[in-house]
Amino acid sequence: TDEVVRKAFDPYFTTRPTSGGTGLGLSPAYRIIKTLLGGEIEISSAPKLGAQFIITLHACGQPQEQTS
């Protein structure tokens, strides 16, 4: 749902409160990708199909030319 997508990166958010999980998985991932790596993370979700995460990170340095 849209609400789940909006809250997915919130600390302690979980869609399965009885499974014993803490809901911490996506919050630290978001923080690392955005803050430490300067990247972007997007989420889309479809009922009964699951979620898709797109992570974009900036390349470091210049690509090296191949030598034969």
N, C-alpha and C. Protein backbone atom coordinates (compact mmCIF):
# COMPACT_ATOMS: atom_id res chain seq x y z
N THR A 1 0.84 -1.19 0.00
CA THR A 1 0.00 0.00 0.00
C THR A 1 0.88 1.25 0.00
N ASP A 2 0.28 2.37 -0.30
CA ASP A 2 1.01 3.63 -0.29
C ASP A 2 1.54 3.96 1.10
N GLU A 3 0.77 3.62 2.13
CA GLU A 3 1.20 3.89 3.50
C GLU A 3 2.45 3.09 3.85
N VAL A 4 2.50 1.84 3.45
CA VAL A 4 3.67 1.00 3.72
C VAL A 4 4.89 1.56 3.00
N VAL A 5 4.74 1.98 1.77
CA VAL A 5 5.85 2.56 1.02
C VAL A 5 6.35 3.83 1.70
N ARG A 6 5.44 4.67 2.17
CA ARG A 6 5.83 5.92 2.85
C ARG A 6 6.59 5.64 4.14
N LYS A 7 6.23 4.58 4.86
CA LYS A 7 6.83 4.28 6.17
C LYS A 7 7.97 3.27 6.11
N ALA A 8 8.25 2.70 4.96
CA ALA A 8 9.19 1.59 4.85
C ALA A 8 10.57 1.88 5.43
N PHE A 9 11.03 3.12 5.36
CA PHE A 9 12.37 3.46 5.84
C PHE A 9 12.35 4.03 7.26
N ASP A 10 11.19 4.09 7.90
CA ASP A 10 11.10 4.57 9.28
C ASP A 10 11.69 3.53 10.23
N PRO A 11 12.44 3.98 11.26
CA PRO A 11 12.96 3.03 12.24
C PRO A 11 11.83 2.24 12.91
N TYR A 12 12.06 0.97 13.09
CA TYR A 12 11.15 0.04 13.79
C TYR A 12 9.85 -0.23 13.04
N PHE A 13 9.73 0.21 11.80
CA PHE A 13 8.51 -0.09 11.04
C PHE A 13 8.56 -1.53 10.55
N THR A 14 7.47 -2.24 10.72
CA THR A 14 7.35 -3.60 10.21
C THR A 14 5.91 -3.86 9.80
N THR A 15 5.74 -4.70 8.83
CA THR A 15 4.39 -5.10 8.42
C THR A 15 3.99 -6.40 9.08
N ARG A 16 4.92 -7.00 9.83
CA ARG A 16 4.67 -8.29 10.49
C ARG A 16 5.02 -8.21 11.97
N PRO A 17 4.19 -7.60 12.77
CA PRO A 17 4.52 -7.42 14.19
C PRO A 17 4.62 -8.73 14.97
N THR A 18 4.05 -9.81 14.48
CA THR A 18 4.09 -11.07 15.23
C THR A 18 5.22 -11.99 14.80
N SER A 19 6.04 -11.58 13.84
CA SER A 19 7.09 -12.46 13.34
C SER A 19 8.36 -12.42 14.17
N GLY A 20 8.43 -11.52 15.14
CA GLY A 20 9.60 -11.44 16.00
C GLY A 20 10.69 -10.52 15.48
N GLY A 21 10.51 -9.92 14.32
CA GLY A 21 11.50 -9.01 13.78
C GLY A 21 11.42 -7.64 14.44
N THR A 22 12.50 -6.87 14.32
CA THR A 22 12.54 -5.54 14.93
C THR A 22 12.15 -4.43 13.97
N GLY A 23 12.14 -4.71 12.69
CA GLY A 23 11.82 -3.68 11.71
C GLY A 23 12.96 -2.72 11.46
N LEU A 24 14.19 -3.11 11.77
CA LEU A 24 15.34 -2.21 11.60
C LEU A 24 16.00 -2.29 10.23
N GLY A 25 15.70 -3.29 9.45
CA GLY A 25 16.44 -3.54 8.21
C GLY A 25 16.54 -2.39 7.25
N LEU A 26 15.46 -1.72 6.92
CA LEU A 26 15.50 -0.70 5.89
C LEU A 26 15.95 0.67 6.39
N SER A 27 15.75 0.96 7.66
CA SER A 27 16.16 2.26 8.19
C SER A 27 17.68 2.45 8.11
N PRO A 28 18.49 1.51 8.61
CA PRO A 28 19.95 1.67 8.46
C PRO A 28 20.39 1.63 7.00
N ALA A 29 19.76 0.82 6.18
CA ALA A 29 20.11 0.76 4.76
C ALA A 29 19.89 2.12 4.11
N TYR A 30 18.77 2.75 4.41
CA TYR A 30 18.46 4.08 3.87
C TYR A 30 19.52 5.08 4.31
N ARG A 31 19.85 5.06 5.60
CA ARG A 31 20.83 6.00 6.15
C ARG A 31 22.21 5.81 5.51
N ILE A 32 22.64 4.58 5.34
CA ILE A 32 23.94 4.30 4.74
C ILE A 32 23.97 4.77 3.29
N ILE A 33 22.95 4.42 2.54
CA ILE A 33 22.91 4.77 1.11
C ILE A 33 22.86 6.28 0.93
N LYS A 34 22.00 6.97 1.69
CA LYS A 34 21.83 8.41 1.52
C LYS A 34 22.99 9.21 2.12
N THR A 35 23.35 8.92 3.37
CA THR A 35 24.30 9.75 4.10
C THR A 35 25.75 9.38 3.82
N LEU A 36 26.08 8.12 3.97
CA LEU A 36 27.48 7.73 3.82
C LEU A 36 27.92 7.62 2.36
N LEU A 37 27.03 7.14 1.52
CA LEU A 37 27.40 6.90 0.13
C LEU A 37 26.90 7.98 -0.83
N GLY A 38 26.04 8.88 -0.36
CA GLY A 38 25.53 9.96 -1.20
C GLY A 38 24.65 9.48 -2.34
N GLY A 39 24.01 8.34 -2.15
CA GLY A 39 23.18 7.76 -3.19
C GLY A 39 21.70 8.01 -2.99
N GLU A 40 20.92 7.30 -3.76
CA GLU A 40 19.46 7.38 -3.70
C GLU A 40 18.90 5.98 -3.57
N ILE A 41 17.77 5.85 -2.90
CA ILE A 41 17.06 4.58 -2.82
C ILE A 41 15.57 4.87 -3.00
N GLU A 42 14.96 4.13 -3.89
CA GLU A 42 13.53 4.28 -4.17
C GLU A 42 12.85 2.93 -3.98
N ILE A 43 11.59 2.98 -3.62
CA ILE A 43 10.83 1.75 -3.42
C ILE A 43 9.50 1.86 -4.17
N SER A 44 9.10 0.76 -4.76
CA SER A 44 7.76 0.66 -5.31
C SER A 44 7.22 -0.69 -4.89
N SER A 45 5.91 -0.77 -4.76
CA SER A 45 5.31 -1.99 -4.25
C SER A 45 4.00 -2.26 -4.96
N ALA A 46 3.71 -3.53 -5.14
CA ALA A 46 2.44 -3.95 -5.73
C ALA A 46 1.88 -5.08 -4.87
N PRO A 47 0.60 -4.99 -4.51
CA PRO A 47 0.01 -6.04 -3.68
C PRO A 47 0.19 -7.42 -4.30
N LYS A 48 0.58 -8.36 -3.46
CA LYS A 48 0.79 -9.77 -3.82
C LYS A 48 1.93 -10.01 -4.80
N LEU A 49 2.63 -8.95 -5.19
CA LEU A 49 3.78 -9.10 -6.08
C LEU A 49 5.10 -8.80 -5.38
N GLY A 50 5.05 -8.03 -4.30
CA GLY A 50 6.26 -7.70 -3.56
C GLY A 50 6.70 -6.27 -3.81
N ALA A 51 7.94 -6.01 -3.42
CA ALA A 51 8.50 -4.67 -3.52
C ALA A 51 9.72 -4.67 -4.42
N GLN A 52 9.98 -3.52 -5.01
CA GLN A 52 11.16 -3.32 -5.84
C GLN A 52 11.92 -2.14 -5.28
N PHE A 53 13.23 -2.32 -5.09
CA PHE A 53 14.09 -1.25 -4.60
C PHE A 53 15.08 -0.90 -5.69
N ILE A 54 15.21 0.39 -5.95
CA ILE A 54 16.20 0.86 -6.92
C ILE A 54 17.21 1.70 -6.15
N ILE A 55 18.46 1.26 -6.17
CA ILE A 55 19.54 1.94 -5.47
C ILE A 55 20.47 2.53 -6.52
N THR A 56 20.72 3.83 -6.41
CA THR A 56 21.60 4.52 -7.34
C THR A 56 22.78 5.07 -6.57
N LEU A 57 23.99 4.67 -6.97
CA LEU A 57 25.22 5.15 -6.34
C LEU A 57 26.07 5.83 -7.40
N HIS A 58 26.78 6.86 -6.98
CA HIS A 58 27.65 7.58 -7.89
C HIS A 58 28.93 6.78 -8.11
N ALA A 59 29.41 6.78 -9.32
CA ALA A 59 30.66 6.09 -9.64
C ALA A 59 31.84 6.85 -9.05
N CYS A 60 32.85 6.12 -8.64
CA CYS A 60 34.07 6.73 -8.10
C CYS A 60 35.14 6.71 -9.18
N GLY A 61 35.74 7.84 -9.44
CA GLY A 61 36.83 7.89 -10.40
C GLY A 61 36.37 7.72 -11.83
N GLN A 62 37.32 7.61 -12.69
CA GLN A 62 37.06 7.46 -14.12
C GLN A 62 37.19 5.99 -14.51
N PRO A 63 36.40 5.55 -15.48
CA PRO A 63 36.55 4.17 -15.94
C PRO A 63 37.92 3.97 -16.58
N GLN A 64 38.50 2.81 -16.33
CA GLN A 64 39.81 2.52 -16.90
C GLN A 64 39.65 1.94 -18.29
N GLU A 65 40.58 2.33 -19.18
CA GLU A 65 40.56 1.78 -20.53
C GLU A 65 41.10 0.36 -20.50
N GLN A 66 40.50 -0.50 -21.30
CA GLN A 66 40.98 -1.87 -21.40
C GLN A 66 42.22 -1.91 -22.27
N THR A 67 43.17 -2.74 -21.87
CA THR A 67 44.35 -2.95 -22.70
C THR A 67 44.35 -4.38 -23.20
N SER A 68 44.89 -4.57 -24.38
CA SER A 68 44.91 -5.91 -24.97
C SER A 68 46.10 -6.69 -24.49
